Amino acid sequence: MAKKQTITTAEAAEMLGLAERTVQRLCQTGELRAEKGTRSWTVEKVSVKELIKARQKALKAKKARAK
C-alpha cells in the first residue's frame, strides 16, 4: 500500500497561489484533506491538485456563462 504524499501548508499555498492562512482555513473546513499535527497541518498533495482542477473548471464555466 502506497503512502500518501503530503506537503506543508506553505507548499500548498504556493501551489494554489493563496496565503498560508487561507490554506489552513481550507484544511479546517475540510475543503483540503489534511491532518493536524501538534503544531501544523500536513496536506495531501492530491487534494491540492484536485482543488486546482475544480477551481479551473469553475473559472471556465464562469467565462462560458459570461459570453
C-alpha atoms as a PDB file:
ATOM      1  CA  MET A   1       0.000   0.000   0.000  1.00  0.00           C
ATOM      2  CA  ALA A   2       1.463   3.361  -1.048  1.00  0.00           C
ATOM      3  CA  LYS A   3       1.881   6.096   1.499  1.00  0.00           C
ATOM      4  CA  LYS A   4       0.003   9.317   0.776  1.00  0.00           C
ATOM      5  CA  GLN A   5       2.226  12.106  -0.481  1.00  0.00           C
ATOM      6  CA  THR A   6       1.877  15.095   1.829  1.00  0.00           C
ATOM      7  CA  ILE A   7       3.077  18.672   1.779  1.00  0.00           C
ATOM      8  CA  THR A   8       3.152  21.602   4.176  1.00  0.00           C
ATOM      9  CA  THR A   9       0.580  24.377   4.186  1.00  0.00           C
ATOM     10  CA  ALA A  10       3.282  26.711   2.849  1.00  0.00           C
ATOM     11  CA  GLU A  11       3.862  24.410  -0.131  1.00  0.00           C
ATOM     12  CA  ALA A  12       0.121  24.073  -0.711  1.00  0.00           C
ATOM     13  CA  ALA A  13      -0.266  27.849  -0.546  1.00  0.00           C
ATOM     14  CA  GLU A  14       2.416  28.262  -3.201  1.00  0.00           C
ATOM     15  CA  MET A  15       0.744  25.705  -5.485  1.00  0.00           C
ATOM     16  CA  LEU A  16      -2.661  27.359  -5.059  1.00  0.00           C
ATOM     17  CA  GLY A  17      -1.474  30.962  -5.170  1.00  0.00           C
ATOM     18  CA  LEU A  18      -3.058  31.635  -1.790  1.00  0.00           C
ATOM     19  CA  ALA A  19      -1.878  32.823   1.599  1.00  0.00           C
ATOM     20  CA  GLU A  20      -0.794  30.110   4.000  1.00  0.00           C
ATOM     21  CA  ARG A  21      -3.513  31.143   6.462  1.00  0.00           C
ATOM     22  CA  THR A  22      -6.135  30.641   3.753  1.00  0.00           C
ATOM     23  CA  VAL A  23      -4.830  27.111   3.183  1.00  0.00           C
ATOM     24  CA  GLN A  24      -5.058  26.468   6.922  1.00  0.00           C
ATOM     25  CA  ARG A  25      -8.715  27.543   6.824  1.00  0.00           C
ATOM     26  CA  LEU A  26      -9.339  25.207   3.875  1.00  0.00           C
ATOM     27  CA  CYS A  27      -7.870  22.410   5.993  1.00  0.00           C
ATOM     28  CA  GLN A  28     -10.058  23.315   8.956  1.00  0.00           C
ATOM     29  CA  THR A  29     -13.232  23.350   6.856  1.00  0.00           C
ATOM     30  CA  GLY A  30     -12.356  20.096   5.122  1.00  0.00           C
ATOM     31  CA  GLU A  31     -12.025  21.598   1.649  1.00  0.00           C
ATOM     32  CA  LEU A  32      -8.498  20.189   1.636  1.00  0.00           C
ATOM     33  CA  ARG A  33      -7.775  16.742   3.035  1.00  0.00           C
ATOM     34  CA  ALA A  34      -5.218  17.263   5.762  1.00  0.00           C
ATOM     35  CA  GLU A  35      -4.173  16.137   9.204  1.00  0.00           C
ATOM     36  CA  LYS A  36      -3.469  18.414  12.117  1.00  0.00           C
ATOM     37  CA  GLY A  37      -0.182  17.678  13.830  1.00  0.00           C
ATOM     38  CA  THR A  38       0.872  19.096  17.153  1.00  0.00           C
ATOM     39  CA  ARG A  39       1.682  22.476  15.604  1.00  0.00           C
ATOM     40  CA  SER A  40       0.898  22.374  11.911  1.00  0.00           C
ATOM     41  CA  TRP A  41      -1.181  20.842   9.136  1.00  0.00           C
ATOM     42  CA  THR A  42       0.010  18.155   6.732  1.00  0.00           C
ATOM     43  CA  VAL A  43      -1.892  18.404   3.449  1.00  0.00           C
ATOM     44  CA  GLU A  44      -2.475  15.609   0.944  1.00  0.00           C
ATOM     45  CA  LYS A  45      -0.859  16.746  -2.312  1.00  0.00           C
ATOM     46  CA  VAL A  46      -3.534  15.043  -4.398  1.00  0.00           C
ATOM     47  CA  SER A  47      -6.163  17.095  -2.557  1.00  0.00           C
ATOM     48  CA  VAL A  48      -4.400  20.306  -3.595  1.00  0.00           C
ATOM     49  CA  LYS A  49      -4.270  19.133  -7.214  1.00  0.00           C
ATOM     50  CA  GLU A  50      -7.985  18.284  -7.109  1.00  0.00           C
ATOM     51  CA  LEU A  51      -8.810  21.740  -5.748  1.00  0.00           C
ATOM     52  CA  ILE A  52      -6.762  23.377  -8.508  1.00  0.00           C
ATOM     53  CA  LYS A  53      -8.670  21.379 -11.149  1.00  0.00           C
ATOM     54  CA  ALA A  54     -12.025  22.217  -9.564  1.00  0.00           C
ATOM     55  CA  ARG A  55     -11.206  25.929  -9.480  1.00  0.00           C
ATOM     56  CA  GLN A  56     -10.055  25.870 -13.108  1.00  0.00           C
ATOM     57  CA  LYS A  57     -13.282  24.119 -14.116  1.00  0.00           C
ATOM     58  CA  ALA A  58     -15.370  26.672 -12.214  1.00  0.00           C
ATOM     59  CA  LEU A  59     -13.466  29.533 -13.857  1.00  0.00           C
ATOM     60  CA  LYS A  60     -14.054  28.069 -17.338  1.00  0.00           C
ATOM     61  CA  ALA A  61     -17.767  27.681 -16.586  1.00  0.00           C
ATOM     62  CA  LYS A  62     -17.967  31.258 -15.354  1.00  0.00           C
ATOM     63  CA  LYS A  63     -16.254  32.534 -18.510  1.00  0.00           C
ATOM     64  CA  ALA A  64     -18.619  30.467 -20.678  1.00  0.00           C
ATOM     65  CA  ARG A  65     -21.677  31.983 -18.947  1.00  0.00           C
ATOM     66  CA  ALA A  66     -20.273  35.490 -19.448  1.00  0.00           C
ATOM     67  CA  LYS A  67     -20.217  35.105 -23.245  1.00  0.00           C
END
